[in-house]
């Protein structure tokens, strides 16, 4: 794993970093016989774990963004200023302004 991390630090994509690490370990006689037999399985298994970790991070970020947008909308509907909504939700002020305009248009129609 230290070799994989080093390869990633050297800007290799995770899958390529794993493959390179396995080849380096075989070359350097680290788990050589095991990796000769199961090297591709190790790469596949670890690649899946990395992909799952990346997916969970994206899911969390998407969920946090959805939540911030919902909170921003509630705050705007209660009359909170655009500046405070942007500050509290950490959403871009331009996005808050668009949300405020949409809410204003909806209120004018009703």
C-alpha atoms as a PDB file:
ATOM      1  CA  UNK A   1       0.000   0.000   0.000  1.00  0.00           C
ATOM      2  CA  UNK A   2       2.914   2.347   0.654  1.00  0.00           C
ATOM      3  CA  UNK A   3       4.014   1.856  -2.943  1.00  0.00           C
ATOM      4  CA  UNK A   4       0.495   2.518  -4.196  1.00  0.00           C
ATOM      5  CA  UNK A   5       0.297   5.743  -2.174  1.00  0.00           C
ATOM      6  CA  UNK A   6       3.689   6.796  -3.501  1.00  0.00           C
ATOM      7  CA  UNK A   7       2.571   6.124  -7.079  1.00  0.00           C
ATOM      8  CA  UNK A   8      -0.605   8.141  -6.523  1.00  0.00           C
ATOM      9  CA  UNK A   9       1.469  10.950  -5.027  1.00  0.00           C
ATOM     10  CA  UNK A  10       3.458  10.841  -8.269  1.00  0.00           C
ATOM     11  CA  UNK A  11       0.188  11.552 -10.111  1.00  0.00           C
ATOM     12  CA  UNK A  12      -0.709   8.086 -11.327  1.00  0.00           C
ATOM     13  CA  UNK A  13      -4.380   7.151 -11.445  1.00  0.00           C
ATOM     14  CA  UNK A  14      -5.288   4.641  -8.700  1.00  0.00           C
ATOM     15  CA  UNK A  15      -5.638   1.672 -11.087  1.00  0.00           C
ATOM     16  CA  UNK A  16      -2.271   2.342 -12.717  1.00  0.00           C
ATOM     17  CA  UNK A  17      -0.697   2.988  -9.305  1.00  0.00           C
ATOM     18  CA  UNK A  18      -1.913  -0.426  -8.140  1.00  0.00           C
ATOM     19  CA  UNK A  19      -0.633  -2.218 -11.226  1.00  0.00           C
ATOM     20  CA  UNK A  20       2.750  -0.536 -10.939  1.00  0.00           C
ATOM     21  CA  UNK A  21       2.990  -1.373  -7.235  1.00  0.00           C
ATOM     22  CA  UNK A  22       2.261  -5.050  -7.905  1.00  0.00           C
ATOM     23  CA  UNK A  23       4.926  -5.168 -10.632  1.00  0.00           C
ATOM     24  CA  UNK A  24       7.434  -3.418  -8.356  1.00  0.00           C
ATOM     25  CA  UNK A  25       6.730  -5.858  -5.525  1.00  0.00           C
ATOM     26  CA  UNK A  26       7.260  -8.835  -7.804  1.00  0.00           C
ATOM     27  CA  UNK A  27      10.482  -7.296  -9.102  1.00  0.00           C
ATOM     28  CA  UNK A  28      11.683  -6.608  -5.537  1.00  0.00           C
ATOM     29  CA  UNK A  29      10.713 -10.086  -4.312  1.00  0.00           C
ATOM     30  CA  UNK A  30       7.970  -8.789  -1.997  1.00  0.00           C
ATOM     31  CA  UNK A  31       5.195 -11.390  -1.908  1.00  0.00           C
ATOM     32  CA  UNK A  32       6.556 -12.420  -5.294  1.00  0.00           C
ATOM     33  CA  UNK A  33       4.992 -15.877  -5.587  1.00  0.00           C
ATOM     34  CA  UNK A  34       1.630 -14.741  -4.228  1.00  0.00           C
ATOM     35  CA  UNK A  35       1.484 -11.723  -6.540  1.00  0.00           C
ATOM     36  CA  UNK A  36       2.523 -13.770  -9.579  1.00  0.00           C
ATOM     37  CA  UNK A  37      -0.560 -15.921  -9.014  1.00  0.00           C
ATOM     38  CA  UNK A  38      -3.031 -13.421  -7.572  1.00  0.00           C
ATOM     39  CA  UNK A  39      -1.667 -10.045  -8.697  1.00  0.00           C
ATOM     40  CA  UNK A  40      -4.559  -9.275 -11.028  1.00  0.00           C
ATOM     41  CA  UNK A  41      -7.065 -10.273  -8.327  1.00  0.00           C
ATOM     42  CA  UNK A  42      -5.339  -7.941  -5.870  1.00  0.00           C
ATOM     43  CA  UNK A  43      -5.472  -5.070  -8.370  1.00  0.00           C
ATOM     44  CA  UNK A  44      -9.165  -5.715  -9.123  1.00  0.00           C
ATOM     45  CA  UNK A  45     -10.122  -5.970  -5.466  1.00  0.00           C
ATOM     46  CA  UNK A  46      -8.263  -2.830  -4.438  1.00  0.00           C
ATOM     47  CA  UNK A  47      -9.565  -0.934  -7.472  1.00  0.00           C
ATOM     48  CA  UNK A  48     -13.115  -1.747  -6.405  1.00  0.00           C
ATOM     49  CA  UNK A  49     -12.393  -0.495  -2.879  1.00  0.00           C
ATOM     50  CA  UNK A  50     -10.966   2.766  -4.252  1.00  0.00           C
ATOM     51  CA  UNK A  51     -13.936   3.239  -6.554  1.00  0.00           C
ATOM     52  CA  UNK A  52     -16.334   2.601  -3.686  1.00  0.00           C
ATOM     53  CA  UNK A  53     -14.520   5.115  -1.485  1.00  0.00           C
ATOM     54  CA  UNK A  54     -14.646   7.721  -4.257  1.00  0.00           C
ATOM     55  CA  UNK A  55     -18.343   7.038  -4.809  1.00  0.00           C
ATOM     56  CA  UNK A  56     -19.104   7.452  -1.107  1.00  0.00           C
ATOM     57  CA  UNK A  57     -17.238  10.764  -1.012  1.00  0.00           C
ATOM     58  CA  UNK A  58     -19.175  12.052  -4.025  1.00  0.00           C
ATOM     59  CA  UNK A  59     -22.439  10.844  -2.501  1.00  0.00           C
ATOM     60  CA  UNK A  60     -21.683  12.666   0.741  1.00  0.00           C
ATOM     61  CA  UNK A  61     -20.759  15.874  -1.068  1.00  0.00           C
ATOM     62  CA  UNK A  62     -23.884  15.692  -3.245  1.00  0.00           C
ATOM     63  CA  UNK A  63     -26.031  15.129  -0.154  1.00  0.00           C
ATOM     64  CA  UNK A  64     -24.415  18.039   1.654  1.00  0.00           C
ATOM     65  CA  UNK A  65     -25.001  20.283  -1.371  1.00  0.00           C
ATOM     66  CA  UNK A  66     -28.649  19.213  -1.621  1.00  0.00           C
ATOM     67  CA  UNK A  67     -29.099  19.933   2.074  1.00  0.00           C
ATOM     68  CA  UNK A  68     -27.436  23.364   1.799  1.00  0.00           C
ATOM     69  CA  UNK A  69     -29.738  24.253  -1.102  1.00  0.00           C
ATOM     70  CA  UNK A  70     -32.818  23.194   0.885  1.00  0.00           C
ATOM     71  CA  UNK A  71     -31.702  25.238   3.883  1.00  0.00           C
ATOM     72  CA  UNK A  72     -30.991  28.233   1.637  1.00  0.00           C
ATOM     73  CA  UNK A  73     -34.471  28.048   0.132  1.00  0.00           C
ATOM     74  CA  UNK A  74     -36.099  27.903   3.572  1.00  0.00           C
ATOM     75  CA  UNK A  75     -34.046  30.855   4.766  1.00  0.00           C
ATOM     76  CA  UNK A  76     -34.933  32.914   1.697  1.00  0.00           C
ATOM     77  CA  UNK A  77     -38.634  32.110   2.064  1.00  0.00           C
ATOM     78  CA  UNK A  78     -38.430  33.374   5.655  1.00  0.00           C
ATOM     79  CA  UNK A  79     -36.964  36.648   4.441  1.00  0.00           C
ATOM     80  CA  UNK A  80     -33.324  36.126   5.395  1.00  0.00           C
ATOM     81  CA  UNK A  81     -30.963  38.348   3.429  1.00  0.00           C
ATOM     82  CA  UNK A  82     -29.068  36.909   0.488  1.00  0.00           C
ATOM     83  CA  UNK A  83     -25.738  37.730   2.132  1.00  0.00           C
ATOM     84  CA  UNK A  84     -26.576  35.860   5.349  1.00  0.00           C
ATOM     85  CA  UNK A  85     -27.943  32.857   3.429  1.00  0.00           C
ATOM     86  CA  UNK A  86     -24.743  32.686   1.357  1.00  0.00           C
ATOM     87  CA  UNK A  87     -22.591  32.993   4.457  1.00  0.00           C
ATOM     88  CA  UNK A  88     -24.490  30.388   6.485  1.00  0.00           C
ATOM     89  CA  UNK A  89     -24.870  27.807   3.713  1.00  0.00           C
ATOM     90  CA  UNK A  90     -21.480  28.493   2.057  1.00  0.00           C
ATOM     91  CA  UNK A  91     -23.190  28.442  -1.336  1.00  0.00           C
ATOM     92  CA  UNK A  92     -22.070  30.948  -4.003  1.00  0.00           C
ATOM     93  CA  UNK A  93     -23.898  34.252  -3.724  1.00  0.00           C
ATOM     94  CA  UNK A  94     -24.814  34.048  -7.428  1.00  0.00           C
ATOM     95  CA  UNK A  95     -26.654  30.791  -6.761  1.00  0.00           C
ATOM     96  CA  UNK A  96     -28.482  32.340  -3.795  1.00  0.00           C
ATOM     97  CA  UNK A  97     -29.456  35.341  -5.930  1.00  0.00           C
ATOM     98  CA  UNK A  98     -30.958  33.026  -8.579  1.00  0.00           C
ATOM     99  CA  UNK A  99     -32.859  31.124  -5.903  1.00  0.00           C
ATOM    100  CA  UNK A 100     -34.167  34.388  -4.440  1.00  0.00           C
ATOM    101  CA  UNK A 101     -35.293  35.562  -7.888  1.00  0.00           C
ATOM    102  CA  UNK A 102     -37.100  32.271  -8.517  1.00  0.00           C
ATOM    103  CA  UNK A 103     -38.872  32.508  -5.147  1.00  0.00           C
ATOM    104  CA  UNK A 104     -39.820  36.136  -5.838  1.00  0.00           C
ATOM    105  CA  UNK A 105     -41.245  35.187  -9.252  1.00  0.00           C
ATOM    106  CA  UNK A 106     -43.267  32.372  -7.682  1.00  0.00           C
ATOM    107  CA  UNK A 107     -44.661  34.706  -5.045  1.00  0.00           C
ATOM    108  CA  UNK A 108     -45.641  37.304  -7.658  1.00  0.00           C
ATOM    109  CA  UNK A 109     -47.571  34.679  -9.629  1.00  0.00           C
ATOM    110  CA  UNK A 110     -49.630  33.587  -6.627  1.00  0.00           C
END
